[in-house]
Amino acid sequence: MTKKIFIPIIFSALVAGAGCTKLNEKVLDESSATELTPKQAAEGAIAPVYAQLPTIFLHTNYLAIQEISTDEAILPYRGGTDWGDNGIYLAMHRHAYTSTDPNLRNTWNLLVQGVSRSISALNSLPTLNDPSVKTFVAEARAMRAYYNMLLLDLFGLVFVKDEPSALSAILRGNEAVEYIKKELLDAEPNLESSVTTGRISKEACWGLLARLYLNSAAYRDIYGAQFTFTPADMDKVIEYCDKIISSNKYQFSPEYFAIFDDNNDTNKEIIFAVDQRADLNGHNRMAYFSLSGDQFPLPDYVGANGTDGAAITSDFYQSWAQAYAPADPAADPRFYKENLSIYSNPADSCVPAAQFFINRGILRGQQYGLIRKNGVFQKCTSGSMKVGPLFHDTRNKPTQPVIFTEQVDFTTAGSDYPSGYRVSKYMFSRKSVSGRNFGEADIVILRLADVYLMRAEAKLRKNNDATGALADVNIVRASRTARQQPPALTTMNLDLLFRERGFELYWECLRRTDMIRFGKYEGTWTEKTDNNPKKRLFPIPQTAIDGASNLKDYLIQNDSY
């Protein structure tokens, strides 16, 4: 029996200095690639189109630049020893980012590679004789549009070409919006509804179209003092959101945090996601990024801990606190879920290993968890795991308790290891040996709650339909029935809707885009005072500018860099 081994061989080259990477995918096996059936060849052609997504959504790539640049997240120089990284995270939060920022460069490279891989698939798939080709061609076209949409959102441009050897045309503003729109519309008829959330479906395409129409006013005039949200665009947002909702294919998750659990590939709220199951080489860094280095979420693995990375800002926390005052914001099931009963009952200090799960949501105050001494977790006489208050043992500060504080900033006190409330939104995978791998939770790109909130926003922007918008927001709120429900709101406007998007969608790589659209990106928050509208776009990486330097005026740096 001949065993086939599928190994992607990537040869990268800058296409005519355009900053797009040309990728040739070869499928190898122990005999010959000619033994592949047309179906296998088609699957081999489409797979590389999706392969970049897990790395794009790595915690130091898209997540970092979409969250740490906003009022939602901050990453100080922890203890003066960790996360210094030549000041790139301090600069990102202050809007002092530069064209040499490695996270921007990595994200740029991954996105242009995604575009290039889509082009390769669009050229190779039509040569194959299999019924799946029609759908895969549509998926490759839609994914090319998605990668370009992220490039437009982050860097203000898109790359357009159909032949791998051709020089890409570069479009900006309205031309870029119209190109992405046409790509999605051309792909939509041949997309399927029956595919997994890890592939782009017809409904996912509708959601991307709604997102494009909602943001198109900003994309057309990114530095504008005010954005013009046309009734026609808002009608399209409502139309595509209506199509998704009326399909009856998706359902709200009664437990909010189940959307971000290990087994969320079956969660019916998710429309489009990055497939992160462990057998597909997923990573777990969404879960470990914010946790303390002395939080060990897995009884089976003594090396799986957090990294004392990003925290939420006091500004973002106060948006919750002020909304629910005088009650605690934990009244909202999206804010917090207690899994360890020791937090409310100090006597519950022994937990069977199979029942040990860390708390989820926004973590505050003294943290409790597995007690690790000399590399071994302590156990109760019953054999259960010993649970107690945590101290900074891994930081060689065994008398300093792990108490997350509201204060987090770039001062010495605000940069200490326990500073800042932390985010435990994605489940820490039960298979994560080191804390940095085997993340099984799919990373959400689009889900039903966002569809309702986009429709609510379009209603407000079109004709100030506060009643219709309020109904959509309260539908989302009322859907979280597994525990306590957040109270229904009684009024709605754009500021309240912006706040509600923060409550529902925090840590989902949407905050920067939302802040720009709502006119809040030039505001002041923790350690950030820059009010330059030119910072709405990131600088094109210097490596891309240098690579295109032989083509005069081809790749022009964004303003203010």
Protein backbone atom coordinates (compact mmCIF):
# COMPACT_ATOMS: atom_id res chain seq x y z
CA MET A 1 0.00 0.00 0.00
CA THR A 2 1.34 3.41 -0.93
CA LYS A 3 0.97 6.00 1.82
CA LYS A 4 0.42 9.53 0.55
CA ILE A 5 2.11 12.37 2.39
CA PHE A 6 0.87 15.85 1.64
CA ILE A 7 3.64 18.38 2.25
CA PRO A 8 3.25 22.01 1.16
CA ILE A 9 6.50 23.21 -0.41
CA ILE A 10 6.57 27.00 -0.51
CA PHE A 11 8.84 29.04 -2.73
CA SER A 12 8.40 32.72 -1.91
CA ALA A 13 9.32 35.60 -4.19
CA LEU A 14 8.18 39.17 -4.31
CA VAL A 15 6.01 39.58 -7.36
CA ALA A 16 7.55 42.41 -9.40
CA GLY A 17 8.29 44.29 -6.19
CA ALA A 18 4.60 44.51 -5.38
CA GLY A 19 4.86 43.20 -1.86
CA CYS A 20 2.78 40.16 -2.84
CA THR A 21 4.38 36.78 -2.28
CA LYS A 22 4.24 34.20 -5.03
CA LEU A 23 3.66 30.76 -3.59
CA ASN A 24 3.91 27.49 -5.45
CA GLU A 25 2.27 24.61 -3.59
CA LYS A 26 3.48 21.13 -4.53
CA VAL A 27 1.76 17.99 -3.33
CA LEU A 28 4.21 15.16 -2.73
CA ASP A 29 3.63 11.51 -1.93
CA GLU A 30 5.71 8.37 -1.79
CA SER A 31 4.93 7.50 -5.38
CA SER A 32 3.72 10.29 -7.59
CA ALA A 33 1.36 13.24 -7.44
CA THR A 34 -0.20 11.95 -10.65
CA GLU A 35 -1.98 9.33 -8.53
CA LEU A 36 -4.17 12.02 -7.01
CA THR A 37 -7.81 11.97 -7.99
CA PRO A 38 -9.22 15.24 -9.35
CA LYS A 39 -11.08 15.64 -6.04
CA GLN A 40 -7.87 15.27 -4.03
CA ALA A 41 -6.06 17.67 -6.33
CA ALA A 42 -8.85 20.22 -5.93
CA GLU A 43 -8.72 19.90 -2.14
CA GLY A 44 -4.95 20.29 -2.30
CA ALA A 45 -5.35 23.50 -4.29
CA ILE A 46 -7.86 25.15 -1.95
CA ALA A 47 -6.22 24.14 1.34
CA PRO A 48 -3.32 26.66 1.14
CA VAL A 49 -5.86 29.47 0.70
CA TYR A 50 -7.02 28.94 4.28
CA ALA A 51 -3.68 27.89 5.73
CA GLN A 52 -2.55 31.41 6.67
CA LEU A 53 -5.54 32.19 8.89
CA PRO A 54 -4.26 30.64 12.14
CA THR A 55 -1.03 32.63 11.95
CA ILE A 56 -2.79 35.85 10.94
CA PHE A 57 -4.84 35.56 14.12
CA LEU A 58 -1.79 34.82 16.25
CA HIS A 59 -1.83 36.90 19.43
CA THR A 60 1.10 39.05 18.27
CA ASN A 61 -0.28 39.65 14.78
CA TYR A 62 -3.85 40.65 14.01
CA LEU A 63 -5.09 40.44 17.60
CA ALA A 64 -2.33 42.72 18.87
CA ILE A 65 -2.74 45.43 16.27
CA GLN A 66 -6.55 45.42 16.40
CA GLU A 67 -6.77 45.43 20.21
CA ILE A 68 -3.63 46.97 21.74
CA SER A 69 -4.02 50.03 19.50
CA THR A 70 -7.38 50.73 21.18
CA ASP A 71 -8.99 51.62 24.50
CA GLU A 72 -9.66 47.93 25.07
CA ALA A 73 -6.19 46.43 25.64
CA ILE A 74 -2.74 47.43 26.82
CA LEU A 75 0.56 45.57 27.12
CA PRO A 76 3.11 47.24 29.41
CA TYR A 77 6.76 46.32 29.85
CA ARG A 78 6.06 43.68 32.50
CA GLY A 79 8.37 44.02 35.47
CA GLY A 80 10.93 45.71 33.25
CA THR A 81 11.89 42.31 31.86
CA ASP A 82 8.99 40.87 29.82
CA TRP A 83 7.20 42.11 26.70
CA GLY A 84 9.69 44.92 26.17
CA ASP A 85 10.16 43.99 22.49
CA ASN A 86 11.92 47.26 21.67
CA GLY A 87 8.86 49.22 22.78
CA ILE A 88 6.54 48.07 19.97
CA TYR A 89 3.61 47.36 22.29
CA LEU A 90 3.98 50.68 24.09
CA ALA A 91 4.11 52.42 20.71
CA MET A 92 1.10 50.48 19.41
CA HIS A 93 -1.03 51.62 22.33
CA ARG A 94 0.15 55.24 22.03
CA HIS A 95 -0.33 55.33 18.23
CA ALA A 96 3.38 55.82 17.76
CA TYR A 97 3.75 52.75 15.55
CA THR A 98 6.34 52.83 12.80
CA SER A 99 7.00 51.11 9.47
CA THR A 100 9.56 48.82 11.12
CA ASP A 101 7.09 47.30 13.62
CA PRO A 102 7.54 43.51 13.24
CA ASN A 103 3.92 42.71 14.11
CA LEU A 104 2.71 44.99 11.33
CA ARG A 105 5.25 43.49 8.95
CA ASN A 106 4.24 39.93 9.81
CA THR A 107 0.55 40.67 9.41
CA TRP A 108 1.15 42.42 6.09
CA ASN A 109 3.22 39.51 4.79
CA LEU A 110 0.63 36.94 5.81
CA LEU A 111 -2.19 38.89 4.19
CA VAL A 112 -0.40 39.38 0.86
CA GLN A 113 0.54 35.71 0.93
CA GLY A 114 -3.15 34.94 1.45
CA VAL A 115 -4.00 37.02 -1.61
CA SER A 116 -1.27 35.29 -3.63
CA ARG A 117 -2.34 31.80 -2.58
CA SER A 118 -5.91 32.64 -3.58
CA ILE A 119 -4.67 33.71 -7.02
CA SER A 120 -2.71 30.48 -7.38
CA ALA A 121 -5.82 28.48 -6.53
CA LEU A 122 -7.94 30.47 -8.97
CA ASN A 123 -5.49 29.56 -11.72
CA SER A 124 -5.00 25.89 -10.88
CA LEU A 125 -8.53 24.85 -9.94
CA PRO A 126 -10.16 25.37 -13.38
CA THR A 127 -7.72 22.85 -14.87
CA LEU A 128 -9.22 20.07 -12.72
CA ASN A 129 -12.24 18.05 -13.70
CA ASP A 130 -14.25 17.59 -10.52
CA PRO A 131 -17.68 18.87 -9.35
CA SER A 132 -16.06 20.48 -6.30
CA VAL A 133 -14.07 22.89 -8.46
CA LYS A 134 -16.97 25.30 -8.93
CA THR A 135 -17.38 25.76 -5.18
CA PHE A 136 -13.64 25.90 -4.50
CA VAL A 137 -13.15 28.61 -7.14
CA ALA A 138 -15.85 30.66 -5.43
CA GLU A 139 -14.18 30.12 -2.06
CA ALA A 140 -10.79 31.19 -3.41
CA ARG A 141 -12.33 34.34 -4.88
CA ALA A 142 -14.16 35.17 -1.65
CA MET A 143 -11.03 34.55 0.41
CA ARG A 144 -9.02 36.80 -1.91
CA ALA A 145 -11.63 39.46 -1.18
CA TYR A 146 -11.40 38.81 2.57
CA TYR A 147 -7.61 39.12 2.68
CA ASN A 148 -7.81 42.30 0.62
CA MET A 149 -10.53 43.62 2.91
CA LEU A 150 -8.18 43.23 5.88
CA LEU A 151 -5.41 44.97 3.91
CA LEU A 152 -7.78 47.83 3.14
CA ASP A 153 -8.87 48.10 6.75
CA LEU A 154 -5.34 48.04 8.16
CA PHE A 155 -3.20 49.65 5.45
CA GLY A 156 -5.65 51.41 3.12
CA LEU A 157 -5.05 49.47 -0.10
CA VAL A 158 -5.77 46.28 -2.01
CA PHE A 159 -3.80 44.27 -4.57
CA VAL A 160 -5.59 43.32 -7.78
CA LYS A 161 -4.44 40.78 -10.33
CA ASP A 162 -5.59 37.49 -11.85
CA GLU A 163 -2.41 36.07 -13.40
CA PRO A 164 0.30 34.95 -10.96
CA SER A 165 3.09 36.48 -13.06
CA ALA A 166 1.37 39.83 -13.57
CA LEU A 167 2.11 43.03 -11.68
CA SER A 168 -0.62 43.77 -9.15
CA ALA A 169 -2.64 46.93 -9.55
CA ILE A 170 -3.02 48.85 -6.29
CA LEU A 171 -6.39 50.37 -5.44
CA ARG A 172 -7.39 52.65 -2.58
CA GLY A 173 -10.55 54.34 -1.36
CA ASN A 174 -13.77 53.87 -3.31
CA GLU A 175 -12.06 51.84 -6.06
CA ALA A 176 -10.87 49.35 -3.44
CA VAL A 177 -14.33 49.11 -1.88
CA GLU A 178 -15.97 48.48 -5.24
CA TYR A 179 -13.40 45.84 -6.14
CA ILE A 180 -13.93 43.87 -2.92
CA LYS A 181 -17.67 44.19 -3.29
CA LYS A 182 -17.56 42.80 -6.83
CA GLU A 183 -15.33 39.92 -5.76
CA LEU A 184 -17.74 38.88 -3.02
CA LEU A 185 -20.78 39.28 -5.25
CA ASP A 186 -19.16 37.23 -8.01
CA ALA A 187 -18.28 34.47 -5.56
CA GLU A 188 -21.59 34.35 -3.68
CA PRO A 189 -23.78 32.40 -6.16
CA ASN A 190 -21.43 29.40 -6.18
CA LEU A 191 -20.68 29.28 -2.46
CA GLU A 192 -22.36 26.58 -0.41
CA SER A 193 -24.27 26.77 2.86
CA SER A 194 -23.35 23.27 3.98
CA VAL A 195 -19.61 23.77 4.57
CA THR A 196 -17.99 23.93 8.00
CA THR A 197 -17.41 27.25 9.74
CA GLY A 198 -13.73 26.89 8.83
CA ARG A 199 -14.60 27.46 5.16
CA ILE A 200 -16.31 30.49 3.69
CA SER A 201 -20.00 29.78 3.14
CA LYS A 202 -22.71 31.70 1.34
CA GLU A 203 -23.84 33.12 4.70
CA ALA A 204 -20.27 34.09 5.63
CA CYS A 205 -20.04 35.97 2.34
CA TRP A 206 -23.26 37.82 3.21
CA GLY A 207 -21.74 38.74 6.56
CA LEU A 208 -18.56 40.06 4.94
CA LEU A 209 -20.65 42.10 2.53
CA ALA A 210 -22.59 43.57 5.47
CA ARG A 211 -19.32 44.39 7.21
CA LEU A 212 -17.92 45.96 4.03
CA TYR A 213 -20.99 48.14 3.47
CA LEU A 214 -21.00 49.20 7.14
CA ASN A 215 -17.35 50.31 7.00
CA SER A 216 -17.31 51.59 3.42
CA ALA A 217 -17.83 55.23 4.46
CA ALA A 218 -14.56 55.06 6.40
CA TYR A 219 -12.77 53.09 3.69
CA ARG A 220 -13.75 55.64 1.02
CA ASP A 221 -12.56 58.64 3.05
CA ILE A 222 -10.34 57.22 5.77
CA TYR A 223 -9.02 60.59 6.99
CA GLY A 224 -12.37 62.39 6.79
CA ALA A 225 -13.51 64.60 9.67
CA GLN A 226 -16.90 62.89 9.45
CA PHE A 227 -17.97 59.79 7.58
CA THR A 228 -20.98 59.81 5.28
CA PHE A 229 -23.02 56.67 5.85
CA THR A 230 -25.36 56.61 2.87
CA PRO A 231 -28.89 55.18 3.14
CA ALA A 232 -28.09 52.88 0.21
CA ASP A 233 -25.13 51.36 2.04
CA MET A 234 -27.12 50.95 5.24
CA ASP A 235 -29.94 49.29 3.29
CA LYS A 236 -27.40 46.75 2.04
CA VAL A 237 -26.15 46.09 5.58
CA ILE A 238 -29.72 45.43 6.67
CA GLU A 239 -30.41 43.29 3.59
CA TYR A 240 -27.47 40.96 4.11
CA CYS A 241 -28.01 40.73 7.86
CA ASP A 242 -31.66 39.89 7.18
CA LYS A 243 -30.60 37.13 4.79
CA ILE A 244 -28.38 35.52 7.43
CA ILE A 245 -31.00 35.79 10.15
CA SER A 246 -33.87 34.55 7.98
CA SER A 247 -31.83 31.54 6.87
CA ASN A 248 -32.55 30.10 10.34
CA LYS A 249 -29.23 28.30 10.11
CA TYR A 250 -27.70 29.97 13.16
CA GLN A 251 -28.70 30.09 16.80
CA PHE A 252 -27.51 32.12 19.77
CA SER A 253 -25.42 30.25 22.30
CA PRO A 254 -27.25 30.29 25.66
CA GLU A 255 -23.86 30.14 27.42
CA TYR A 256 -21.78 33.04 26.15
CA PHE A 257 -18.39 31.46 26.81
CA ALA A 258 -19.36 28.25 25.01
CA ILE A 259 -18.80 30.26 21.82
CA PHE A 260 -15.09 30.18 22.69
CA ASP A 261 -14.77 26.63 24.07
CA ASP A 262 -12.61 23.82 22.72
CA ASN A 263 -15.54 22.23 20.92
CA ASN A 264 -16.89 25.43 19.40
CA ASP A 265 -16.59 24.02 15.87
CA THR A 266 -20.16 22.79 16.49
CA ASN A 267 -21.44 26.01 18.06
CA LYS A 268 -24.38 27.21 15.99
CA GLU A 269 -23.75 30.90 16.66
CA ILE A 270 -20.52 30.91 14.64
CA ILE A 271 -20.80 31.74 10.94
CA PHE A 272 -17.14 31.93 9.93
CA ALA A 273 -14.06 30.98 11.95
CA VAL A 274 -10.40 30.00 11.85
CA ASP A 275 -10.29 26.22 12.21
CA GLN A 276 -8.05 25.66 15.22
CA ARG A 277 -8.63 22.02 16.13
CA ALA A 278 -5.49 20.39 17.47
CA ASP A 279 -5.23 17.89 14.64
CA LEU A 280 -5.01 20.86 12.29
CA ASN A 281 -2.02 22.34 14.14
CA GLY A 282 -3.92 25.01 16.01
CA HIS A 283 -2.30 27.09 18.72
CA ASN A 284 -3.57 28.12 22.11
CA ARG A 285 -2.19 31.60 22.40
CA MET A 286 -5.53 33.39 22.45
CA ALA A 287 -6.05 31.67 25.81
CA TYR A 288 -2.61 32.05 27.38
CA PHE A 289 -1.77 35.60 26.20
CA SER A 290 -3.42 37.48 29.06
CA LEU A 291 -3.15 35.01 31.95
CA SER A 292 -0.60 35.19 34.75
CA GLY A 293 2.56 33.12 34.53
CA ASP A 294 1.39 31.56 37.79
CA GLN A 295 -1.99 30.46 36.45
CA PHE A 296 -1.85 26.82 35.40
CA PRO A 297 -5.19 25.88 33.83
CA LEU A 298 -4.49 22.18 33.20
CA PRO A 299 -3.99 19.54 35.93
CA ASP A 300 -2.28 17.24 33.40
CA TYR A 301 0.45 19.67 32.36
CA VAL A 302 2.73 21.49 34.79
CA GLY A 303 4.24 23.57 31.97
CA ALA A 304 1.02 25.05 30.62
CA ASN A 305 0.66 28.53 32.06
CA GLY A 306 -0.02 32.11 31.09
CA THR A 307 2.44 34.74 29.95
CA ASP A 308 1.43 37.92 31.84
CA GLY A 309 0.70 39.66 28.56
CA ALA A 310 -2.05 42.05 27.58
CA ALA A 311 -4.68 43.32 30.02
CA ILE A 312 -7.80 45.37 29.54
CA THR A 313 -7.44 49.09 30.22
CA SER A 314 -9.04 50.77 33.19
CA ASP A 315 -11.02 52.80 30.63
CA PHE A 316 -12.61 49.70 29.16
CA TYR A 317 -13.30 48.26 32.60
CA GLN A 318 -14.97 51.50 33.65
CA SER A 319 -17.32 51.30 30.67
CA TRP A 320 -18.66 48.12 32.29
CA ALA A 321 -18.58 49.45 35.84
CA GLN A 322 -20.43 52.64 34.97
CA ALA A 323 -23.03 50.82 32.88
CA TYR A 324 -23.99 48.55 35.80
CA ALA A 325 -23.37 50.79 38.81
CA PRO A 326 -24.19 50.37 41.63
CA ALA A 327 -24.29 46.64 40.78
CA ASP A 328 -21.14 44.73 39.89
CA PRO A 329 -20.59 44.22 36.13
CA ALA A 330 -20.38 40.46 36.74
CA ALA A 331 -24.16 40.67 36.62
CA ASP A 332 -23.63 40.50 32.86
CA PRO A 333 -22.85 36.88 31.90
CA ARG A 334 -20.54 38.11 29.17
CA PHE A 335 -18.29 39.78 31.71
CA TYR A 336 -17.52 36.80 33.94
CA LYS A 337 -18.19 33.13 34.59
CA GLU A 338 -17.08 31.46 37.81
CA ASN A 339 -15.88 27.90 37.27
CA LEU A 340 -13.84 27.56 40.48
CA SER A 341 -16.14 27.74 43.48
CA ILE A 342 -13.28 28.72 45.83
CA TYR A 343 -13.80 32.29 44.65
CA SER A 344 -17.18 32.42 46.37
CA ASN A 345 -16.58 29.67 48.95
CA PRO A 346 -13.00 29.60 50.31
CA ALA A 347 -13.58 26.14 51.77
CA ASP A 348 -13.77 24.58 48.30
CA SER A 349 -10.02 23.99 48.06
CA CYS A 350 -10.05 20.45 46.63
CA VAL A 351 -11.22 19.91 43.04
CA PRO A 352 -11.16 16.65 41.05
CA ALA A 353 -8.82 17.06 38.10
CA ALA A 354 -11.56 16.34 35.57
CA GLN A 355 -13.65 19.15 37.06
CA PHE A 356 -10.92 21.78 37.26
CA PHE A 357 -11.55 24.69 34.90
CA ILE A 358 -10.34 28.25 35.38
CA ASN A 359 -12.79 31.13 35.45
CA ARG A 360 -13.69 32.87 32.22
CA GLY A 361 -14.21 36.44 31.16
CA ILE A 362 -12.59 39.43 32.83
CA LEU A 363 -10.53 38.32 35.84
CA ARG A 364 -10.09 40.69 38.79
CA GLY A 365 -8.52 40.61 42.23
CA GLN A 366 -6.88 37.68 43.99
CA GLN A 367 -6.51 34.70 41.69
CA TYR A 368 -6.87 31.09 42.80
CA GLY A 369 -5.76 27.95 41.10
CA LEU A 370 -3.49 24.93 41.11
CA ILE A 371 -0.64 25.13 43.59
CA ARG A 372 2.67 24.16 41.96
CA LYS A 373 5.71 23.50 44.14
CA ASN A 374 9.03 22.28 42.75
CA GLY A 375 7.39 21.60 39.41
CA VAL A 376 4.61 19.43 40.86
CA PHE A 377 0.95 20.24 41.50
CA GLN A 378 -0.12 19.75 45.10
CA LYS A 379 -2.95 17.32 45.84
CA CYS A 380 -5.42 16.84 48.66
CA THR A 381 -5.49 13.58 50.62
CA SER A 382 -8.48 12.55 48.50
CA GLY A 383 -6.33 12.73 45.38
CA SER A 384 -8.12 15.83 44.13
CA MET A 385 -6.16 18.88 43.02
CA LYS A 386 -5.22 21.34 45.75
CA VAL A 387 -6.57 24.79 44.93
CA GLY A 388 -5.63 27.98 46.74
CA PRO A 389 -4.51 31.59 46.38
CA LEU A 390 -1.77 32.07 43.78
CA PHE A 391 1.57 33.79 44.30
CA HIS A 392 4.23 34.89 41.82
CA ASP A 393 6.39 31.79 42.27
CA THR A 394 7.46 31.67 38.63
CA ARG A 395 8.67 35.27 38.97
CA ASN A 396 10.74 34.34 42.03
CA LYS A 397 8.42 36.41 44.20
CA PRO A 398 6.72 33.71 46.29
CA THR A 399 5.34 36.19 48.82
CA GLN A 400 3.69 38.47 46.23
CA PRO A 401 0.09 37.36 45.61
CA VAL A 402 -1.37 37.26 42.13
CA ILE A 403 -3.89 40.07 42.60
CA PHE A 404 -5.03 41.62 39.35
CA THR A 405 -5.53 45.35 39.79
CA GLU A 406 -7.53 47.87 37.82
CA GLN A 407 -4.46 50.05 37.39
CA VAL A 408 -2.40 49.13 34.38
CA ASP A 409 -0.24 51.66 32.57
CA PHE A 410 3.37 52.35 31.70
CA THR A 411 4.46 53.44 35.18
CA THR A 412 6.54 51.08 37.31
CA ALA A 413 3.53 50.13 39.42
CA GLY A 414 1.22 49.85 36.45
CA SER A 415 3.68 47.62 34.58
CA ASP A 416 4.17 45.10 37.37
CA TYR A 417 3.21 41.48 36.76
CA PRO A 418 -0.16 41.60 38.55
CA SER A 419 -1.25 44.93 37.04
CA GLY A 420 -4.40 44.99 34.96
CA TYR A 421 -7.57 42.94 34.82
CA ARG A 422 -7.07 39.99 32.49
CA VAL A 423 -9.11 38.33 29.76
CA SER A 424 -9.86 34.61 29.79
CA LYS A 425 -12.29 34.50 26.90
CA TYR A 426 -11.06 31.55 24.82
CA MET A 427 -10.88 28.23 26.63
CA PHE A 428 -7.42 27.04 27.61
CA SER A 429 -7.28 23.82 25.61
CA ARG A 430 -7.20 20.60 27.61
CA LYS A 431 -4.42 19.35 25.31
CA SER A 432 -2.05 22.30 25.67
CA VAL A 433 1.19 20.77 26.88
CA SER A 434 3.09 24.06 27.00
CA GLY A 435 0.41 26.73 26.93
CA ARG A 436 1.55 27.71 23.44
CA ASN A 437 0.14 24.92 21.29
CA PHE A 438 -2.80 22.63 20.58
CA GLY A 439 -5.49 25.25 20.82
CA GLU A 440 -8.71 23.59 19.79
CA ALA A 441 -11.08 26.54 19.99
CA ASP A 442 -11.85 27.94 16.55
CA ILE A 443 -11.11 31.67 16.41
CA VAL A 444 -14.31 33.54 15.61
CA ILE A 445 -14.32 35.78 12.54
CA LEU A 446 -18.08 36.31 12.29
CA ARG A 447 -20.99 35.22 14.48
CA LEU A 448 -24.71 35.80 14.79
CA ALA A 449 -24.54 38.41 17.57
CA ASP A 450 -22.38 40.64 15.36
CA VAL A 451 -24.94 40.31 12.58
CA TYR A 452 -27.69 41.64 14.86
CA LEU A 453 -25.46 44.45 16.10
CA MET A 454 -24.47 45.43 12.54
CA ARG A 455 -28.15 45.54 11.61
CA ALA A 456 -28.90 47.67 14.68
CA GLU A 457 -26.16 50.12 13.72
CA ALA A 458 -27.40 50.37 10.13
CA LYS A 459 -30.90 51.15 11.40
CA LEU A 460 -29.54 53.95 13.56
CA ARG A 461 -27.33 55.39 10.84
CA LYS A 462 -29.98 55.20 8.13
CA ASN A 463 -32.90 57.01 9.72
CA ASN A 464 -32.22 56.97 13.45
CA ASP A 465 -34.46 53.96 13.96
CA ALA A 466 -33.71 53.71 17.68
CA THR A 467 -36.68 51.41 18.28
CA GLY A 468 -35.52 48.86 15.72
CA ALA A 469 -31.91 49.09 16.89
CA LEU A 470 -32.93 48.66 20.52
CA ALA A 471 -34.91 45.53 19.65
CA ASP A 472 -31.89 43.97 17.90
CA VAL A 473 -29.56 44.72 20.81
CA ASN A 474 -32.01 43.32 23.35
CA ILE A 475 -32.44 40.15 21.29
CA VAL A 476 -28.71 39.55 21.71
CA ARG A 477 -28.85 40.32 25.42
CA ALA A 478 -31.85 38.07 26.01
CA SER A 479 -30.17 35.15 24.24
CA ARG A 480 -27.68 34.42 27.06
CA THR A 481 -30.02 32.25 29.12
CA ALA A 482 -27.64 29.63 30.60
CA ARG A 483 -26.98 31.80 33.67
CA GLN A 484 -28.23 35.22 34.67
CA GLN A 485 -29.33 37.41 31.75
CA PRO A 486 -28.08 40.94 31.28
CA PRO A 487 -30.98 43.35 31.83
CA ALA A 488 -32.76 44.69 28.76
CA LEU A 489 -31.83 48.20 27.71
CA THR A 490 -34.54 50.86 27.47
CA THR A 491 -32.94 53.31 25.07
CA MET A 492 -30.49 53.21 22.19
CA ASN A 493 -28.15 55.59 20.39
CA LEU A 494 -24.79 55.29 18.66
CA ASP A 495 -22.76 55.76 21.85
CA LEU A 496 -24.73 53.04 23.62
CA LEU A 497 -24.40 50.76 20.61
CA PHE A 498 -20.64 51.29 20.56
CA ARG A 499 -20.55 50.36 24.23
CA GLU A 500 -22.67 47.30 23.58
CA ARG A 501 -20.35 46.12 20.80
CA GLY A 502 -17.52 46.34 23.31
CA PHE A 503 -19.43 44.23 25.82
CA GLU A 504 -20.38 41.57 23.30
CA LEU A 505 -17.31 41.46 21.03
CA TYR A 506 -14.31 42.31 23.21
CA TRP A 507 -11.07 40.46 22.35
CA GLU A 508 -12.46 39.49 18.90
CA CYS A 509 -10.22 41.72 16.75
CA LEU A 510 -12.91 44.27 15.96
CA ARG A 511 -12.24 47.14 18.34
CA ARG A 512 -9.93 49.29 16.22
CA THR A 513 -12.25 49.08 13.20
CA ASP A 514 -15.22 49.93 15.42
CA MET A 515 -13.45 52.89 17.03
CA ILE A 516 -12.58 54.37 13.66
CA ARG A 517 -16.12 53.95 12.34
CA PHE A 518 -17.66 55.49 15.47
CA GLY A 519 -15.22 58.43 15.43
CA LYS A 520 -13.49 57.48 18.68
CA TYR A 521 -10.02 56.41 17.56
CA GLU A 522 -8.57 59.88 18.12
CA GLY A 523 -9.78 59.90 21.73
CA THR A 524 -7.74 59.84 24.92
CA TRP A 525 -7.37 56.75 27.09
CA THR A 526 -4.80 55.04 29.30
CA GLU A 527 -1.35 56.23 28.14
CA LYS A 528 -2.72 57.42 24.79
CA THR A 529 -3.22 61.09 23.86
CA ASP A 530 -2.34 61.14 20.13
CA ASN A 531 -5.28 62.57 18.15
CA ASN A 532 -3.84 62.41 14.64
CA PRO A 533 -6.48 61.03 12.22
CA LYS A 534 -3.67 59.89 9.92
CA LYS A 535 -3.00 57.11 12.46
CA ARG A 536 -6.23 55.42 11.44
CA LEU A 537 -4.11 53.52 8.95
CA PHE A 538 -0.97 51.66 9.88
CA PRO A 539 2.29 52.33 8.01
CA ILE A 540 3.09 50.02 5.12
CA PRO A 541 6.07 47.96 6.32
CA GLN A 542 9.41 49.37 5.26
CA THR A 543 10.43 46.00 3.87
CA ALA A 544 7.55 46.18 1.39
CA ILE A 545 8.42 49.77 0.44
CA ASP A 546 12.04 48.76 -0.10
CA GLY A 547 11.02 45.72 -2.14
CA ALA A 548 9.03 47.90 -4.51
CA SER A 549 11.64 50.65 -4.75
CA ASN A 550 12.60 49.72 -8.32
CA LEU A 551 9.08 50.67 -9.47
CA LYS A 552 8.74 54.44 -9.19
CA ASP A 553 5.60 55.59 -7.32
CA TYR A 554 4.23 52.05 -7.26
CA LEU A 555 3.89 51.40 -3.52
CA ILE A 556 3.47 54.74 -1.76
CA GLN A 557 3.72 54.99 2.02
CA ASN A 558 0.62 56.09 3.91
CA ASP A 559 0.46 59.71 5.08
CA SER A 560 2.30 60.73 8.28
CA TYR A 561 4.87 57.93 8.12
